[in-house]
Amino acid sequence: MDLLREAGFDFEIIVPQVEEAHDATLTPEQLTVENARKKALVVSLLKPGALVIGADTLVYVDGEPLGKPADLQEALTMVRRLSGRAHEVCTGVAFARDGRIERELHVITHVMFKTLSDALILDYHSKLNPLDKAGAYGIQEHTEMLLERMEGSFTNVVGLPVDEVAAALRELSAADPAP
């Protein structure tokens, strides 16, 4: 979020109370955008006139979404599954105002992890809370322990594709009629 502030945007963070979709028949793009839409619409009704951003990020391996782990054992299992393999991180973003979606986008980043031992995964998890992160990792923390290579947006893997969101905000702001 600091990156959006550095780009000149002022905002308030509101965590919406919504039931997220978990439909495995949807593509990563469809599922994350659907959840982003739900979040943005709920908050847009709470903040009349405000342009609201909703976002949802999921980690996908073999086409299967990995959400937030329920416990540390599931966190270990998730990262073990990502070890030495490529996976995708998809973030869906929706922009809403007064209960209407004004724009949607999604970004996919391809990530390759190093081959990781259980000891290294446990050490990594001792340095952060994996339970509040899709795929049980936060790429912005101790990146060197996990990452072999990445193609695409780093900030997308963190949870919000800042460049794409900032561009959309500028376009939506330019399209707004002056008061």
N, C-alpha and C. Protein backbone atom coordinates (compact mmCIF):
# COMPACT_ATOMS: atom_id res chain seq x y z
N MET A 1 0.81 -1.19 0.00
CA MET A 1 0.00 0.00 0.00
C MET A 1 0.85 1.26 0.00
N ASP A 2 2.06 1.13 0.57
CA ASP A 2 2.97 2.28 0.53
C ASP A 2 3.29 2.67 -0.90
N LEU A 3 3.35 1.69 -1.80
CA LEU A 3 3.66 1.98 -3.20
C LEU A 3 2.57 2.83 -3.84
N LEU A 4 1.31 2.58 -3.49
CA LEU A 4 0.23 3.42 -4.01
C LEU A 4 0.32 4.83 -3.45
N ARG A 5 0.67 4.94 -2.19
CA ARG A 5 0.84 6.28 -1.60
C ARG A 5 1.99 7.01 -2.28
N GLU A 6 3.10 6.29 -2.52
CA GLU A 6 4.25 6.89 -3.20
C GLU A 6 3.88 7.34 -4.61
N ALA A 7 2.92 6.67 -5.22
CA ALA A 7 2.47 7.05 -6.56
C ALA A 7 1.50 8.24 -6.52
N GLY A 8 1.22 8.74 -5.31
CA GLY A 8 0.41 9.95 -5.18
C GLY A 8 -1.06 9.71 -4.87
N PHE A 9 -1.41 8.50 -4.47
CA PHE A 9 -2.82 8.20 -4.17
C PHE A 9 -3.04 8.18 -2.67
N ASP A 10 -4.13 8.81 -2.26
CA ASP A 10 -4.53 8.84 -0.86
C ASP A 10 -5.74 7.93 -0.72
N PHE A 11 -5.72 7.06 0.29
CA PHE A 11 -6.82 6.11 0.41
C PHE A 11 -6.98 5.64 1.85
N GLU A 12 -8.09 4.99 2.08
CA GLU A 12 -8.41 4.38 3.37
C GLU A 12 -8.59 2.89 3.13
N ILE A 13 -8.10 2.07 4.04
CA ILE A 13 -8.27 0.62 3.90
C ILE A 13 -9.47 0.19 4.73
N ILE A 14 -10.41 -0.50 4.09
CA ILE A 14 -11.58 -1.05 4.76
C ILE A 14 -11.65 -2.53 4.38
N VAL A 15 -11.70 -3.39 5.38
CA VAL A 15 -11.80 -4.82 5.11
C VAL A 15 -13.28 -5.19 5.07
N PRO A 16 -13.77 -5.59 3.89
CA PRO A 16 -15.20 -5.89 3.77
C PRO A 16 -15.55 -7.27 4.35
N GLN A 17 -16.75 -7.36 4.83
CA GLN A 17 -17.25 -8.65 5.32
C GLN A 17 -18.04 -9.30 4.18
N VAL A 18 -17.35 -10.12 3.38
CA VAL A 18 -18.00 -10.80 2.26
C VAL A 18 -17.64 -12.28 2.28
N GLU A 19 -18.53 -13.07 1.73
CA GLU A 19 -18.27 -14.49 1.55
C GLU A 19 -17.59 -14.66 0.20
N GLU A 20 -16.32 -15.03 0.22
CA GLU A 20 -15.57 -15.18 -1.03
C GLU A 20 -16.00 -16.45 -1.76
N ALA A 21 -15.97 -16.38 -3.07
CA ALA A 21 -16.26 -17.55 -3.91
C ALA A 21 -15.06 -18.48 -3.86
N HIS A 22 -15.33 -19.78 -3.90
CA HIS A 22 -14.29 -20.81 -3.92
C HIS A 22 -14.64 -21.82 -5.00
N ASP A 23 -15.02 -21.35 -6.15
CA ASP A 23 -15.52 -22.19 -7.23
C ASP A 23 -14.37 -22.68 -8.10
N ALA A 24 -14.01 -23.95 -7.96
CA ALA A 24 -12.88 -24.52 -8.70
C ALA A 24 -13.15 -24.63 -10.20
N THR A 25 -14.40 -24.41 -10.64
CA THR A 25 -14.70 -24.48 -12.08
C THR A 25 -14.34 -23.16 -12.78
N LEU A 26 -14.10 -22.10 -12.00
CA LEU A 26 -13.72 -20.82 -12.58
C LEU A 26 -12.22 -20.77 -12.84
N THR A 27 -11.82 -20.03 -13.87
CA THR A 27 -10.41 -19.82 -14.13
C THR A 27 -9.83 -18.94 -13.02
N PRO A 28 -8.50 -18.90 -12.88
CA PRO A 28 -7.91 -18.00 -11.88
C PRO A 28 -8.37 -16.55 -12.07
N GLU A 29 -8.41 -16.12 -13.34
CA GLU A 29 -8.82 -14.74 -13.62
C GLU A 29 -10.26 -14.52 -13.19
N GLN A 30 -11.16 -15.45 -13.53
CA GLN A 30 -12.57 -15.30 -13.19
C GLN A 30 -12.78 -15.31 -11.68
N LEU A 31 -12.13 -16.23 -10.98
CA LEU A 31 -12.34 -16.37 -9.54
C LEU A 31 -11.83 -15.15 -8.78
N THR A 32 -10.62 -14.70 -9.09
CA THR A 32 -10.08 -13.55 -8.36
C THR A 32 -10.84 -12.27 -8.67
N VAL A 33 -11.24 -12.09 -9.93
CA VAL A 33 -12.02 -10.90 -10.28
C VAL A 33 -13.39 -10.94 -9.61
N GLU A 34 -14.01 -12.11 -9.56
CA GLU A 34 -15.31 -12.24 -8.89
C GLU A 34 -15.21 -11.84 -7.42
N ASN A 35 -14.19 -12.33 -6.74
CA ASN A 35 -14.02 -11.96 -5.33
C ASN A 35 -13.69 -10.48 -5.17
N ALA A 36 -12.89 -9.94 -6.08
CA ALA A 36 -12.58 -8.50 -6.04
C ALA A 36 -13.85 -7.68 -6.23
N ARG A 37 -14.71 -8.11 -7.15
CA ARG A 37 -15.99 -7.42 -7.40
C ARG A 37 -16.83 -7.38 -6.13
N LYS A 38 -16.97 -8.53 -5.48
CA LYS A 38 -17.76 -8.59 -4.25
C LYS A 38 -17.25 -7.61 -3.21
N LYS A 39 -15.95 -7.59 -3.02
CA LYS A 39 -15.35 -6.69 -2.02
C LYS A 39 -15.57 -5.22 -2.39
N ALA A 40 -15.29 -4.89 -3.65
CA ALA A 40 -15.43 -3.49 -4.08
C ALA A 40 -16.87 -3.01 -3.98
N LEU A 41 -17.82 -3.84 -4.39
CA LEU A 41 -19.22 -3.43 -4.36
C LEU A 41 -19.71 -3.18 -2.94
N VAL A 42 -19.36 -4.06 -2.01
CA VAL A 42 -19.79 -3.89 -0.62
C VAL A 42 -19.27 -2.58 -0.06
N VAL A 43 -17.98 -2.32 -0.26
CA VAL A 43 -17.39 -1.10 0.31
C VAL A 43 -17.90 0.14 -0.41
N SER A 44 -18.16 0.03 -1.72
CA SER A 44 -18.64 1.21 -2.46
C SER A 44 -20.00 1.69 -1.93
N LEU A 45 -20.78 0.79 -1.39
CA LEU A 45 -22.07 1.19 -0.80
C LEU A 45 -21.89 1.86 0.56
N LEU A 46 -20.77 1.54 1.23
CA LEU A 46 -20.47 2.16 2.52
C LEU A 46 -19.86 3.54 2.37
N LYS A 47 -19.27 3.80 1.21
CA LYS A 47 -18.55 5.06 0.96
C LYS A 47 -19.11 5.73 -0.30
N PRO A 48 -20.30 6.32 -0.22
CA PRO A 48 -20.92 6.94 -1.40
C PRO A 48 -20.00 7.95 -2.07
N GLY A 49 -19.94 7.87 -3.39
CA GLY A 49 -19.15 8.79 -4.18
C GLY A 49 -17.68 8.43 -4.31
N ALA A 50 -17.19 7.55 -3.45
CA ALA A 50 -15.77 7.20 -3.47
C ALA A 50 -15.50 6.13 -4.52
N LEU A 51 -14.34 6.21 -5.13
CA LEU A 51 -13.88 5.15 -6.02
C LEU A 51 -13.21 4.11 -5.14
N VAL A 52 -13.71 2.89 -5.19
CA VAL A 52 -13.26 1.82 -4.30
C VAL A 52 -12.54 0.75 -5.11
N ILE A 53 -11.44 0.27 -4.55
CA ILE A 53 -10.69 -0.82 -5.17
C ILE A 53 -10.89 -2.08 -4.33
N GLY A 54 -11.29 -3.15 -4.98
CA GLY A 54 -11.34 -4.46 -4.33
C GLY A 54 -10.32 -5.35 -5.01
N ALA A 55 -9.63 -6.18 -4.24
CA ALA A 55 -8.62 -7.06 -4.83
C ALA A 55 -8.66 -8.42 -4.16
N ASP A 56 -8.27 -9.43 -4.92
CA ASP A 56 -8.18 -10.79 -4.40
C ASP A 56 -7.00 -11.46 -5.09
N THR A 57 -6.15 -12.10 -4.31
CA THR A 57 -4.97 -12.76 -4.84
C THR A 57 -4.97 -14.22 -4.44
N LEU A 58 -4.69 -15.08 -5.41
CA LEU A 58 -4.56 -16.51 -5.14
C LEU A 58 -3.32 -17.05 -5.82
N VAL A 59 -2.75 -18.07 -5.20
CA VAL A 59 -1.63 -18.81 -5.75
C VAL A 59 -2.21 -20.05 -6.41
N TYR A 60 -1.73 -20.35 -7.63
CA TYR A 60 -2.21 -21.53 -8.36
C TYR A 60 -1.05 -22.43 -8.71
N VAL A 61 -1.20 -23.72 -8.40
CA VAL A 61 -0.23 -24.72 -8.82
C VAL A 61 -1.01 -25.86 -9.46
N ASP A 62 -0.59 -26.26 -10.63
CA ASP A 62 -1.29 -27.30 -11.39
C ASP A 62 -2.76 -26.94 -11.59
N GLY A 63 -3.06 -25.65 -11.74
CA GLY A 63 -4.43 -25.20 -11.95
C GLY A 63 -5.29 -25.19 -10.71
N GLU A 64 -4.74 -25.53 -9.57
CA GLU A 64 -5.50 -25.57 -8.32
C GLU A 64 -5.16 -24.36 -7.46
N PRO A 65 -6.19 -23.66 -6.94
CA PRO A 65 -5.91 -22.50 -6.10
C PRO A 65 -5.45 -22.91 -4.70
N LEU A 66 -4.44 -22.20 -4.21
CA LEU A 66 -4.00 -22.37 -2.83
C LEU A 66 -4.35 -21.08 -2.11
N GLY A 67 -5.28 -21.16 -1.21
CA GLY A 67 -5.66 -20.00 -0.42
C GLY A 67 -4.77 -19.88 0.80
N LYS A 68 -5.32 -19.35 1.86
CA LYS A 68 -4.58 -19.23 3.11
C LYS A 68 -4.66 -20.56 3.85
N PRO A 69 -3.55 -21.04 4.40
CA PRO A 69 -3.57 -22.32 5.11
C PRO A 69 -4.35 -22.21 6.42
N ALA A 70 -4.95 -23.32 6.82
CA ALA A 70 -5.73 -23.36 8.06
C ALA A 70 -4.84 -23.46 9.29
N ASP A 71 -3.66 -24.07 9.13
CA ASP A 71 -2.75 -24.25 10.26
C ASP A 71 -1.32 -24.40 9.73
N LEU A 72 -0.37 -24.52 10.65
CA LEU A 72 1.03 -24.58 10.26
C LEU A 72 1.37 -25.85 9.48
N GLN A 73 0.70 -26.95 9.76
CA GLN A 73 0.95 -28.17 8.99
C GLN A 73 0.51 -27.99 7.54
N GLU A 74 -0.65 -27.36 7.33
CA GLU A 74 -1.09 -27.10 5.96
C GLU A 74 -0.16 -26.10 5.27
N ALA A 75 0.36 -25.14 6.03
CA ALA A 75 1.32 -24.17 5.47
C ALA A 75 2.57 -24.89 4.98
N LEU A 76 3.09 -25.81 5.77
CA LEU A 76 4.25 -26.60 5.38
C LEU A 76 3.95 -27.41 4.13
N THR A 77 2.79 -28.04 4.10
CA THR A 77 2.39 -28.85 2.94
C THR A 77 2.29 -28.00 1.68
N MET A 78 1.74 -26.80 1.81
CA MET A 78 1.60 -25.91 0.64
C MET A 78 2.97 -25.53 0.06
N VAL A 79 3.86 -25.05 0.92
CA VAL A 79 5.17 -24.61 0.42
C VAL A 79 5.98 -25.81 -0.08
N ARG A 80 5.83 -26.94 0.58
CA ARG A 80 6.47 -28.18 0.10
C ARG A 80 6.02 -28.47 -1.33
N ARG A 81 4.74 -28.26 -1.60
CA ARG A 81 4.19 -28.50 -2.94
C ARG A 81 4.75 -27.53 -3.97
N LEU A 82 5.08 -26.31 -3.55
CA LEU A 82 5.64 -25.30 -4.44
C LEU A 82 7.15 -25.44 -4.64
N SER A 83 7.78 -26.19 -3.77
CA SER A 83 9.24 -26.35 -3.79
C SER A 83 9.74 -26.89 -5.13
N GLY A 84 10.69 -26.17 -5.72
CA GLY A 84 11.31 -26.61 -6.97
C GLY A 84 10.41 -26.57 -8.18
N ARG A 85 9.31 -25.86 -8.06
CA ARG A 85 8.30 -25.85 -9.12
C ARG A 85 7.87 -24.44 -9.47
N ALA A 86 7.27 -24.35 -10.64
CA ALA A 86 6.67 -23.09 -11.09
C ALA A 86 5.22 -23.05 -10.62
N HIS A 87 4.75 -21.85 -10.36
CA HIS A 87 3.34 -21.64 -10.05
C HIS A 87 2.97 -20.24 -10.50
N GLU A 88 1.69 -19.95 -10.48
CA GLU A 88 1.19 -18.64 -10.88
C GLU A 88 0.54 -17.95 -9.70
N VAL A 89 0.65 -16.64 -9.69
CA VAL A 89 -0.06 -15.82 -8.73
C VAL A 89 -0.97 -14.91 -9.54
N CYS A 90 -2.27 -14.99 -9.25
CA CYS A 90 -3.25 -14.20 -9.98
C CYS A 90 -3.94 -13.25 -9.01
N THR A 91 -3.98 -11.98 -9.38
CA THR A 91 -4.72 -10.99 -8.61
C THR A 91 -5.80 -10.40 -9.50
N GLY A 92 -7.02 -10.44 -9.02
CA GLY A 92 -8.13 -9.76 -9.67
C GLY A 92 -8.38 -8.46 -8.95
N VAL A 93 -8.67 -7.41 -9.70
CA VAL A 93 -8.93 -6.09 -9.13
C VAL A 93 -10.20 -5.54 -9.75
N ALA A 94 -11.06 -4.98 -8.91
CA ALA A 94 -12.28 -4.33 -9.39
C ALA A 94 -12.36 -2.92 -8.80
N PHE A 95 -12.82 -2.00 -9.62
CA PHE A 95 -12.99 -0.60 -9.22
C PHE A 95 -14.49 -0.33 -9.24
N ALA A 96 -15.03 0.14 -8.11
CA ALA A 96 -16.48 0.37 -8.02
C ALA A 96 -16.75 1.74 -7.42
N ARG A 97 -17.93 2.26 -7.77
CA ARG A 97 -18.41 3.52 -7.20
C ARG A 97 -19.93 3.40 -7.08
N ASP A 98 -20.43 3.68 -5.89
CA ASP A 98 -21.88 3.71 -5.65
C ASP A 98 -22.59 2.43 -6.12
N GLY A 99 -21.99 1.29 -5.82
CA GLY A 99 -22.63 0.01 -6.14
C GLY A 99 -22.53 -0.41 -7.60
N ARG A 100 -21.64 0.24 -8.38
CA ARG A 100 -21.45 -0.13 -9.80
C ARG A 100 -19.98 -0.39 -10.06
N ILE A 101 -19.70 -1.45 -10.80
CA ILE A 101 -18.33 -1.73 -11.21
C ILE A 101 -17.97 -0.82 -12.38
N GLU A 102 -16.87 -0.11 -12.24
CA GLU A 102 -16.42 0.79 -13.30
C GLU A 102 -15.32 0.19 -14.16
N ARG A 103 -14.56 -0.74 -13.58
CA ARG A 103 -13.48 -1.37 -14.33
C ARG A 103 -13.02 -2.60 -13.58
N GLU A 104 -12.48 -3.56 -14.34
CA GLU A 104 -11.90 -4.77 -13.76
C GLU A 104 -10.60 -5.06 -14.48
N LEU A 105 -9.69 -5.72 -13.77
CA LEU A 105 -8.47 -6.19 -14.41
C LEU A 105 -7.92 -7.37 -13.62
N HIS A 106 -7.02 -8.10 -14.24
CA HIS A 106 -6.31 -9.15 -13.53
C HIS A 106 -4.87 -9.18 -14.02
N VAL A 107 -4.00 -9.67 -13.16
CA VAL A 107 -2.58 -9.78 -13.49
C VAL A 107 -2.11 -11.15 -13.02
N ILE A 108 -1.34 -11.81 -13.87
CA ILE A 108 -0.76 -13.11 -13.52
C ILE A 108 0.76 -12.98 -13.56
N THR A 109 1.40 -13.46 -12.51
CA THR A 109 2.85 -13.49 -12.41
C THR A 109 3.28 -14.96 -12.29
N HIS A 110 4.31 -15.32 -13.03
CA HIS A 110 4.85 -16.68 -12.99
C HIS A 110 6.04 -16.70 -12.03
N VAL A 111 5.99 -17.63 -11.08
CA VAL A 111 6.98 -17.70 -10.01
C VAL A 111 7.59 -19.10 -9.99
N MET A 112 8.90 -19.15 -9.81
CA MET A 112 9.61 -20.43 -9.67
C MET A 112 10.33 -20.42 -8.34
N PHE A 113 10.03 -21.43 -7.51
CA PHE A 113 10.70 -21.56 -6.23
C PHE A 113 11.95 -22.42 -6.36
N LYS A 114 12.90 -22.17 -5.47
CA LYS A 114 14.04 -23.05 -5.31
C LYS A 114 13.54 -24.38 -4.76
N THR A 115 14.38 -25.40 -4.81
CA THR A 115 14.06 -26.65 -4.11
C THR A 115 14.31 -26.39 -2.63
N LEU A 116 13.29 -26.63 -1.82
CA LEU A 116 13.33 -26.26 -0.40
C LEU A 116 13.23 -27.50 0.49
N SER A 117 14.07 -27.56 1.49
CA SER A 117 13.97 -28.63 2.48
C SER A 117 12.89 -28.26 3.50
N ASP A 118 12.40 -29.27 4.22
CA ASP A 118 11.43 -28.98 5.28
C ASP A 118 12.04 -28.05 6.32
N ALA A 119 13.33 -28.24 6.64
CA ALA A 119 13.99 -27.39 7.63
C ALA A 119 13.99 -25.93 7.16
N LEU A 120 14.27 -25.70 5.88
CA LEU A 120 14.28 -24.34 5.36
C LEU A 120 12.87 -23.74 5.38
N ILE A 121 11.87 -24.54 5.01
CA ILE A 121 10.47 -24.05 5.03
C ILE A 121 10.08 -23.67 6.46
N LEU A 122 10.40 -24.52 7.42
CA LEU A 122 10.07 -24.23 8.82
C LEU A 122 10.81 -22.98 9.31
N ASP A 123 12.07 -22.82 8.89
CA ASP A 123 12.83 -21.62 9.24
C ASP A 123 12.15 -20.39 8.64
N TYR A 124 11.77 -20.50 7.38
CA TYR A 124 11.07 -19.40 6.71
C TYR A 124 9.78 -19.06 7.46
N HIS A 125 8.99 -20.06 7.79
CA HIS A 125 7.72 -19.82 8.49
C HIS A 125 7.94 -19.26 9.90
N SER A 126 9.12 -19.49 10.49
CA SER A 126 9.39 -18.92 11.82
C SER A 126 9.63 -17.41 11.73
N LYS A 127 9.88 -16.90 10.52
CA LYS A 127 10.19 -15.49 10.32
C LYS A 127 8.97 -14.65 9.94
N LEU A 128 7.83 -15.29 9.65
CA LEU A 128 6.61 -14.58 9.27
C LEU A 128 5.41 -15.45 9.60
N ASN A 129 4.23 -14.87 9.50
CA ASN A 129 3.00 -15.64 9.74
C ASN A 129 2.47 -16.16 8.40
N PRO A 130 2.64 -17.45 8.11
CA PRO A 130 2.17 -17.98 6.83
C PRO A 130 0.65 -18.17 6.78
N LEU A 131 -0.03 -18.06 7.92
CA LEU A 131 -1.46 -18.36 7.97
C LEU A 131 -2.32 -17.26 7.35
N ASP A 132 -1.76 -16.08 7.14
CA ASP A 132 -2.56 -14.99 6.55
C ASP A 132 -2.13 -14.69 5.11
N LYS A 133 -1.49 -15.71 4.47
CA LYS A 133 -0.98 -15.50 3.12
C LYS A 133 -1.40 -16.63 2.19
N ALA A 134 -1.92 -16.28 1.04
CA ALA A 134 -2.25 -17.29 0.03
C ALA A 134 -0.98 -18.05 -0.33
N GLY A 135 -1.07 -19.37 -0.35
CA GLY A 135 0.09 -20.19 -0.67
C GLY A 135 1.07 -20.33 0.48
N ALA A 136 0.77 -19.73 1.62
CA ALA A 136 1.58 -19.83 2.85
C ALA A 136 2.93 -19.14 2.73
N TYR A 137 3.03 -18.13 1.85
CA TYR A 137 4.27 -17.36 1.79
C TYR A 137 3.97 -15.91 1.43
N GLY A 138 4.89 -15.04 1.82
CA GLY A 138 4.84 -13.63 1.47
C GLY A 138 6.14 -13.30 0.77
N ILE A 139 6.10 -13.13 -0.52
CA ILE A 139 7.32 -12.98 -1.32
C ILE A 139 8.14 -11.76 -0.90
N GLN A 140 7.50 -10.76 -0.31
CA GLN A 140 8.22 -9.55 0.09
C GLN A 140 9.07 -9.77 1.33
N GLU A 141 8.90 -10.89 2.01
CA GLU A 141 9.64 -11.18 3.23
C GLU A 141 10.59 -12.35 3.00
N HIS A 142 11.89 -12.10 3.16
CA HIS A 142 12.92 -13.14 3.04
C HIS A 142 12.86 -13.83 1.68
N THR A 143 12.72 -13.01 0.66
CA THR A 143 12.59 -13.46 -0.73
C THR A 143 13.69 -14.44 -1.12
N GLU A 144 14.92 -14.15 -0.68
CA GLU A 144 16.07 -14.95 -1.08
C GLU A 144 15.95 -16.41 -0.63
N MET A 145 15.15 -16.68 0.38
CA MET A 145 15.01 -18.06 0.87
C MET A 145 14.20 -18.92 -0.10
N LEU A 146 13.28 -18.31 -0.85
CA LEU A 146 12.34 -19.07 -1.66
C LEU A 146 12.53 -18.93 -3.17
N LEU A 147 12.76 -17.72 -3.60
CA LEU A 147 12.62 -17.39 -5.02
C LEU A 147 13.83 -17.78 -5.86
N GLU A 148 13.55 -18.55 -6.91
CA GLU A 148 14.56 -18.83 -7.93
C GLU A 148 14.46 -17.79 -9.04
N ARG A 149 13.22 -17.59 -9.56
CA ARG A 149 13.02 -16.56 -10.58
C ARG A 149 11.53 -16.19 -10.64
N MET A 150 11.29 -15.06 -11.31
CA MET A 150 9.92 -14.56 -11.43
C MET A 150 9.79 -13.86 -12.77
N GLU A 151 8.63 -14.05 -13.40
CA GLU A 151 8.30 -13.34 -14.64
C GLU A 151 7.01 -12.59 -14.40
N GLY A 152 7.10 -11.27 -14.40
CA GLY A 152 5.91 -10.46 -14.20
C GLY A 152 6.05 -9.54 -13.01
N SER A 153 4.92 -9.10 -12.52
CA SER A 153 4.84 -8.08 -11.48
C SER A 153 5.15 -8.63 -10.09
N PHE A 154 6.20 -8.09 -9.47
CA PHE A 154 6.53 -8.45 -8.09
C PHE A 154 5.42 -8.01 -7.15
N THR A 155 4.91 -6.78 -7.34
CA THR A 155 3.87 -6.28 -6.43
C THR A 155 2.58 -7.10 -6.55
N ASN A 156 2.36 -7.73 -7.70
CA ASN A 156 1.22 -8.63 -7.84
C ASN A 156 1.35 -9.79 -6.87
N VAL A 157 2.55 -10.35 -6.75
CA VAL A 157 2.77 -11.47 -5.84
C VAL A 157 2.63 -11.01 -4.40
N VAL A 158 2.97 -9.77 -4.13
CA VAL A 158 2.77 -9.20 -2.79
C VAL A 158 1.27 -9.09 -2.48
N GLY A 159 0.45 -8.85 -3.51
CA GLY A 159 -0.99 -8.80 -3.29
C GLY A 159 -1.74 -7.73 -4.05
N LEU A 160 -1.02 -6.82 -4.73
CA LEU A 160 -1.68 -5.79 -5.51
C LEU A 160 -0.75 -5.34 -6.63
N PRO A 161 -1.15 -5.54 -7.88
CA PRO A 161 -0.30 -5.12 -9.00
C PRO A 161 -0.32 -3.60 -9.13
N VAL A 162 0.61 -2.95 -8.45
CA VAL A 162 0.58 -1.50 -8.26
C VAL A 162 0.62 -0.73 -9.59
N ASP A 163 1.50 -1.12 -10.50
CA ASP A 163 1.59 -0.37 -11.76
C ASP A 163 0.27 -0.38 -12.51
N GLU A 164 -0.36 -1.53 -12.60
CA GLU A 164 -1.62 -1.66 -13.32
C GLU A 164 -2.75 -0.94 -12.60
N VAL A 165 -2.78 -1.02 -11.28
CA VAL A 165 -3.81 -0.33 -10.49
C VAL A 165 -3.63 1.18 -10.60
N ALA A 166 -2.40 1.65 -10.51
CA ALA A 166 -2.15 3.10 -10.61
C ALA A 166 -2.57 3.61 -11.99
N ALA A 167 -2.26 2.86 -13.05
CA ALA A 167 -2.66 3.28 -14.40
C ALA A 167 -4.18 3.34 -14.52
N ALA A 168 -4.87 2.34 -13.99
CA ALA A 168 -6.33 2.33 -14.04
C ALA A 168 -6.91 3.48 -13.23
N LEU A 169 -6.33 3.78 -12.07
CA LEU A 169 -6.81 4.90 -11.25
C LEU A 169 -6.65 6.22 -11.98
N ARG A 170 -5.52 6.38 -12.66
CA ARG A 170 -5.31 7.63 -13.41
C ARG A 170 -6.34 7.76 -14.53
N GLU A 171 -6.59 6.66 -15.24
CA GLU A 171 -7.58 6.69 -16.33
C GLU A 171 -8.98 6.97 -15.79
N LEU A 172 -9.34 6.31 -14.70
CA LEU A 172 -10.68 6.52 -14.12
C LEU A 172 -10.81 7.95 -13.57
N SER A 173 -9.75 8.46 -12.98
CA SER A 173 -9.78 9.83 -12.46
C SER A 173 -9.90 10.84 -13.60
N ALA A 174 -9.19 10.58 -14.70
CA ALA A 174 -9.27 11.49 -15.86
C ALA A 174 -10.65 11.48 -16.49
N ALA A 175 -11.35 10.35 -16.38
CA ALA A 175 -12.69 10.23 -16.96
C ALA A 175 -13.77 10.83 -16.08
N ASP A 176 -13.43 11.09 -14.79
CA ASP A 176 -14.42 11.67 -13.88
C ASP A 176 -14.76 13.09 -14.28
N PRO A 177 -16.04 13.42 -14.32
CA PRO A 177 -16.41 14.80 -14.59
C PRO A 177 -16.00 15.70 -13.42
N ALA A 178 -15.56 16.87 -13.70
CA ALA A 178 -15.17 17.80 -12.64
C ALA A 178 -16.40 18.20 -11.84
N PRO A 179 -16.25 18.33 -10.50
CA PRO A 179 -17.41 18.71 -9.67
C PRO A 179 -17.86 20.12 -9.90
